[in-house]
Amino acid sequence: MLKDELVEEVRKARQEQAAKWNFDLKAILADARKRQAQSGHEVVSFAPKESKEG
C-alpha cells in the first residue's frame, strides 16, 4: 500500500501537538481555542439544526 506523504505529514504534526500537551485532550482544546481567539479571524458558529420530530 502506498503512503501518502501529505497524510503522513498531518499525522506527524497531530502526534507532535498531542505530545506537547501530554496527550491531555482538555489542554489541547484549550490551546486551540486560545490560538483561535488570538488569530484575529472571525469565528463562525452554527446553531444546532432543529429536530424534525413533532
PDB file of N, CA and C in Angstrom:
ATOM      1  N   MET A   1       0.845  -1.180   0.000  1.00  0.00           N
ATOM      2  CA  MET A   1       0.000   0.000   0.000  1.00  0.00           C
ATOM      3  C   MET A   1       0.891   1.244   0.000  1.00  0.00           C
ATOM      4  N   LEU A   2       0.578   2.188  -0.845  1.00  0.00           N
ATOM      5  CA  LEU A   2       1.354   3.410  -0.943  1.00  0.00           C
ATOM      6  C   LEU A   2       1.070   4.333   0.228  1.00  0.00           C
ATOM      7  N   LYS A   3       2.111   5.028   0.656  1.00  0.00           N
ATOM      8  CA  LYS A   3       1.932   6.010   1.722  1.00  0.00           C
ATOM      9  C   LYS A   3       1.745   7.383   1.086  1.00  0.00           C
ATOM     10  N   ASP A   4       0.771   8.091   1.549  1.00  0.00           N
ATOM     11  CA  ASP A   4       0.511   9.441   1.083  1.00  0.00           C
ATOM     12  C   ASP A   4       1.342  10.386   1.948  1.00  0.00           C
ATOM     13  N   GLU A   5       2.257  11.112   1.333  1.00  0.00           N
ATOM     14  CA  GLU A   5       3.163  11.985   2.080  1.00  0.00           C
ATOM     15  C   GLU A   5       2.410  13.062   2.859  1.00  0.00           C
ATOM     16  N   LEU A   6       1.359  13.593   2.276  1.00  0.00           N
ATOM     17  CA  LEU A   6       0.582  14.633   2.944  1.00  0.00           C
ATOM     18  C   LEU A   6      -0.112  14.078   4.190  1.00  0.00           C
ATOM     19  N   VAL A   7      -0.694  12.905   4.065  1.00  0.00           N
ATOM     20  CA  VAL A   7      -1.352  12.272   5.203  1.00  0.00           C
ATOM     21  C   VAL A   7      -0.329  12.002   6.307  1.00  0.00           C
ATOM     22  N   GLU A   8       0.827  11.498   5.939  1.00  0.00           N
ATOM     23  CA  GLU A   8       1.874  11.227   6.925  1.00  0.00           C
ATOM     24  C   GLU A   8       2.326  12.511   7.625  1.00  0.00           C
ATOM     25  N   GLU A   9       2.429  13.602   6.872  1.00  0.00           N
ATOM     26  CA  GLU A   9       2.834  14.885   7.448  1.00  0.00           C
ATOM     27  C   GLU A   9       1.792  15.384   8.453  1.00  0.00           C
ATOM     28  N   VAL A  10       0.519  15.254   8.102  1.00  0.00           N
ATOM     29  CA  VAL A  10      -0.560  15.679   9.000  1.00  0.00           C
ATOM     30  C   VAL A  10      -0.561  14.822  10.263  1.00  0.00           C
ATOM     31  N   ARG A  11      -0.388  13.525  10.104  1.00  0.00           N
ATOM     32  CA  ARG A  11      -0.359  12.628  11.267  1.00  0.00           C
ATOM     33  C   ARG A  11       0.814  12.952  12.186  1.00  0.00           C
ATOM     34  N   LYS A  12       1.961  13.248  11.600  1.00  0.00           N
ATOM     35  CA  LYS A  12       3.138  13.603  12.393  1.00  0.00           C
ATOM     36  C   LYS A  12       2.880  14.891  13.173  1.00  0.00           C
ATOM     37  N   ALA A  13       2.308  15.888  12.515  1.00  0.00           N
ATOM     38  CA  ALA A  13       2.010  17.160  13.180  1.00  0.00           C
ATOM     39  C   ALA A  13       1.004  16.963  14.305  1.00  0.00           C
ATOM     40  N   ARG A  14      -0.010  16.133  14.074  1.00  0.00           N
ATOM     41  CA  ARG A  14      -1.018  15.843  15.097  1.00  0.00           C
ATOM     42  C   ARG A  14      -0.379  15.149  16.295  1.00  0.00           C
ATOM     43  N   GLN A  15       0.496  14.206  16.039  1.00  0.00           N
ATOM     44  CA  GLN A  15       1.179  13.484  17.112  1.00  0.00           C
ATOM     45  C   GLN A  15       2.069  14.426  17.921  1.00  0.00           C
ATOM     46  N   GLU A  16       2.787  15.303  17.241  1.00  0.00           N
ATOM     47  CA  GLU A  16       3.655  16.266  17.932  1.00  0.00           C
ATOM     48  C   GLU A  16       2.841  17.225  18.790  1.00  0.00           C
ATOM     49  N   GLN A  17       1.720  17.694  18.262  1.00  0.00           N
ATOM     50  CA  GLN A  17       0.856  18.611  19.008  1.00  0.00           C
ATOM     51  C   GLN A  17       0.301  17.917  20.246  1.00  0.00           C
ATOM     52  N   ALA A  18      -0.148  16.690  20.102  1.00  0.00           N
ATOM     53  CA  ALA A  18      -0.693  15.945  21.236  1.00  0.00           C
ATOM     54  C   ALA A  18       0.391  15.694  22.286  1.00  0.00           C
ATOM     55  N   ALA A  19       1.582  15.357  21.852  1.00  0.00           N
ATOM     56  CA  ALA A  19       2.682  15.101  22.788  1.00  0.00           C
ATOM     57  C   ALA A  19       3.057  16.379  23.545  1.00  0.00           C
ATOM     58  N   LYS A  20       2.970  17.521  22.861  1.00  0.00           N
ATOM     59  CA  LYS A  20       3.289  18.800  23.506  1.00  0.00           C
ATOM     60  C   LYS A  20       2.423  19.023  24.739  1.00  0.00           C
ATOM     61  N   TRP A  21       1.182  18.536  24.700  1.00  0.00           N
ATOM     62  CA  TRP A  21       0.241  18.718  25.808  1.00  0.00           C
ATOM     63  C   TRP A  21       0.034  17.417  26.575  1.00  0.00           C
ATOM     64  N   ASN A  22       1.006  16.505  26.476  1.00  0.00           N
ATOM     65  CA  ASN A  22       0.980  15.239  27.210  1.00  0.00           C
ATOM     66  C   ASN A  22      -0.307  14.449  26.929  1.00  0.00           C
ATOM     67  N   PHE A  23      -0.790  14.545  25.700  1.00  0.00           N
ATOM     68  CA  PHE A  23      -1.973  13.823  25.235  1.00  0.00           C
ATOM     69  C   PHE A  23      -3.220  14.120  26.080  1.00  0.00           C
ATOM     70  N   ASP A  24      -3.244  15.312  26.689  1.00  0.00           N
ATOM     71  CA  ASP A  24      -4.377  15.755  27.507  1.00  0.00           C
ATOM     72  C   ASP A  24      -5.338  16.521  26.592  1.00  0.00           C
ATOM     73  N   LEU A  25      -6.485  15.907  26.285  1.00  0.00           N
ATOM     74  CA  LEU A  25      -7.423  16.493  25.331  1.00  0.00           C
ATOM     75  C   LEU A  25      -7.902  17.868  25.771  1.00  0.00           C
ATOM     76  N   LYS A  26      -8.176  18.039  27.055  1.00  0.00           N
ATOM     77  CA  LYS A  26      -8.635  19.346  27.542  1.00  0.00           C
ATOM     78  C   LYS A  26      -7.577  20.417  27.322  1.00  0.00           C
ATOM     79  N   ALA A  27      -6.326  20.087  27.556  1.00  0.00           N
ATOM     80  CA  ALA A  27      -5.236  21.048  27.345  1.00  0.00           C
ATOM     81  C   ALA A  27      -5.060  21.354  25.856  1.00  0.00           C
ATOM     82  N   ILE A  28      -5.182  20.338  25.017  1.00  0.00           N
ATOM     83  CA  ILE A  28      -5.059  20.523  23.570  1.00  0.00           C
ATOM     84  C   ILE A  28      -6.158  21.464  23.075  1.00  0.00           C
ATOM     85  N   LEU A  29      -7.394  21.223  23.516  1.00  0.00           N
ATOM     86  CA  LEU A  29      -8.516  22.059  23.081  1.00  0.00           C
ATOM     87  C   LEU A  29      -8.411  23.475  23.633  1.00  0.00           C
ATOM     88  N   ALA A  30      -7.952  23.622  24.870  1.00  0.00           N
ATOM     89  CA  ALA A  30      -7.774  24.958  25.452  1.00  0.00           C
ATOM     90  C   ALA A  30      -6.754  25.749  24.637  1.00  0.00           C
ATOM     91  N   ASP A  31      -5.664  25.098  24.235  1.00  0.00           N
ATOM     92  CA  ASP A  31      -4.652  25.759  23.415  1.00  0.00           C
ATOM     93  C   ASP A  31      -5.218  26.134  22.049  1.00  0.00           C
ATOM     94  N   ALA A  32      -6.000  25.237  21.458  1.00  0.00           N
ATOM     95  CA  ALA A  32      -6.594  25.520  20.149  1.00  0.00           C
ATOM     96  C   ALA A  32      -7.539  26.714  20.229  1.00  0.00           C
ATOM     97  N   ARG A  33      -8.346  26.760  21.289  1.00  0.00           N
ATOM     98  CA  ARG A  33      -9.260  27.896  21.462  1.00  0.00           C
ATOM     99  C   ARG A  33      -8.489  29.200  21.674  1.00  0.00           C
ATOM    100  N   LYS A  34      -7.408  29.135  22.429  1.00  0.00           N
ATOM    101  CA  LYS A  34      -6.586  30.320  22.677  1.00  0.00           C
ATOM    102  C   LYS A  34      -5.985  30.834  21.363  1.00  0.00           C
ATOM    103  N   ARG A  35      -5.421  29.914  20.569  1.00  0.00           N
ATOM    104  CA  ARG A  35      -4.836  30.315  19.286  1.00  0.00           C
ATOM    105  C   ARG A  35      -5.902  30.849  18.339  1.00  0.00           C
ATOM    106  N   GLN A  36      -7.095  30.263  18.392  1.00  0.00           N
ATOM    107  CA  GLN A  36      -8.202  30.722  17.550  1.00  0.00           C
ATOM    108  C   GLN A  36      -8.587  32.149  17.923  1.00  0.00           C
ATOM    109  N   ALA A  37      -8.685  32.425  19.217  1.00  0.00           N
ATOM    110  CA  ALA A  37      -9.051  33.765  19.677  1.00  0.00           C
ATOM    111  C   ALA A  37      -7.985  34.789  19.303  1.00  0.00           C
ATOM    112  N   GLN A  38      -6.729  34.392  19.333  1.00  0.00           N
ATOM    113  CA  GLN A  38      -5.624  35.302  19.033  1.00  0.00           C
ATOM    114  C   GLN A  38      -5.407  35.505  17.539  1.00  0.00           C
ATOM    115  N   SER A  39      -6.041  34.687  16.722  1.00  0.00           N
ATOM    116  CA  SER A  39      -5.785  34.728  15.280  1.00  0.00           C
ATOM    117  C   SER A  39      -6.328  35.991  14.621  1.00  0.00           C
ATOM    118  N   GLY A  40      -7.368  36.567  15.220  1.00  0.00           N
ATOM    119  CA  GLY A  40      -7.972  37.738  14.609  1.00  0.00           C
ATOM    120  C   GLY A  40      -8.981  37.396  13.527  1.00  0.00           C
ATOM    121  N   HIS A  41      -9.150  36.115  13.238  1.00  0.00           N
ATOM    122  CA  HIS A  41     -10.121  35.689  12.228  1.00  0.00           C
ATOM    123  C   HIS A  41     -11.502  35.579  12.856  1.00  0.00           C
ATOM    124  N   GLU A  42     -12.511  35.846  12.050  1.00  0.00           N
ATOM    125  CA  GLU A  42     -13.880  35.701  12.527  1.00  0.00           C
ATOM    126  C   GLU A  42     -14.174  34.218  12.788  1.00  0.00           C
ATOM    127  N   VAL A  43     -14.790  33.942  13.906  1.00  0.00           N
ATOM    128  CA  VAL A  43     -15.162  32.579  14.252  1.00  0.00           C
ATOM    129  C   VAL A  43     -16.651  32.410  13.986  1.00  0.00           C
ATOM    130  N   VAL A  44     -16.995  31.433  13.188  1.00  0.00           N
ATOM    131  CA  VAL A  44     -18.384  31.196  12.817  1.00  0.00           C
ATOM    132  C   VAL A  44     -18.909  30.021  13.631  1.00  0.00           C
ATOM    133  N   SER A  45     -20.080  30.200  14.193  1.00  0.00           N
ATOM    134  CA  SER A  45     -20.716  29.132  14.957  1.00  0.00           C
ATOM    135  C   SER A  45     -22.120  28.945  14.410  1.00  0.00           C
ATOM    136  N   PHE A  46     -22.458  27.729  14.126  1.00  0.00           N
ATOM    137  CA  PHE A  46     -23.766  27.433  13.572  1.00  0.00           C
ATOM    138  C   PHE A  46     -24.698  26.958  14.677  1.00  0.00           C
ATOM    139  N   ALA A  47     -25.932  27.414  14.636  1.00  0.00           N
ATOM    140  CA  ALA A  47     -26.937  26.967  15.593  1.00  0.00           C
ATOM    141  C   ALA A  47     -27.269  25.515  15.290  1.00  0.00           C
ATOM    142  N   PRO A  48     -27.582  24.746  16.313  1.00  0.00           N
ATOM    143  CA  PRO A  48     -27.947  23.353  16.052  1.00  0.00           C
ATOM    144  C   PRO A  48     -29.207  23.276  15.195  1.00  0.00           C
ATOM    145  N   LYS A  49     -29.267  22.268  14.356  1.00  0.00           N
ATOM    146  CA  LYS A  49     -30.438  22.079  13.495  1.00  0.00           C
ATOM    147  C   LYS A  49     -31.623  21.646  14.341  1.00  0.00           C
ATOM    148  N   GLU A  50     -32.781  22.137  13.993  1.00  0.00           N
ATOM    149  CA  GLU A  50     -33.986  21.759  14.725  1.00  0.00           C
ATOM    150  C   GLU A  50     -34.371  20.333  14.361  1.00  0.00           C
ATOM    151  N   SER A  51     -34.916  19.658  15.331  1.00  0.00           N
ATOM    152  CA  SER A  51     -35.366  18.286  15.134  1.00  0.00           C
ATOM    153  C   SER A  51     -36.599  18.288  14.241  1.00  0.00           C
ATOM    154  N   LYS A  52     -36.725  17.276  13.401  1.00  0.00           N
ATOM    155  CA  LYS A  52     -37.892  17.157  12.523  1.00  0.00           C
ATOM    156  C   LYS A  52     -39.045  16.476  13.240  1.00  0.00           C
ATOM    157  N   GLU A  53     -38.838  16.114  14.489  1.00  0.00           N
ATOM    158  CA  GLU A  53     -39.901  15.477  15.262  1.00  0.00           C
ATOM    159  C   GLU A  53     -40.912  16.514  15.696  1.00  0.00           C
ATOM    160  N   GLY A  54     -42.172  16.126  15.780  1.00  0.00           N
ATOM    161  CA  GLY A  54     -43.242  16.970  16.319  1.00  0.00           C
ATOM    162  C   GLY A  54     -43.543  18.101  15.500  1.00  0.00           C
TER     163      GLY A  54
END
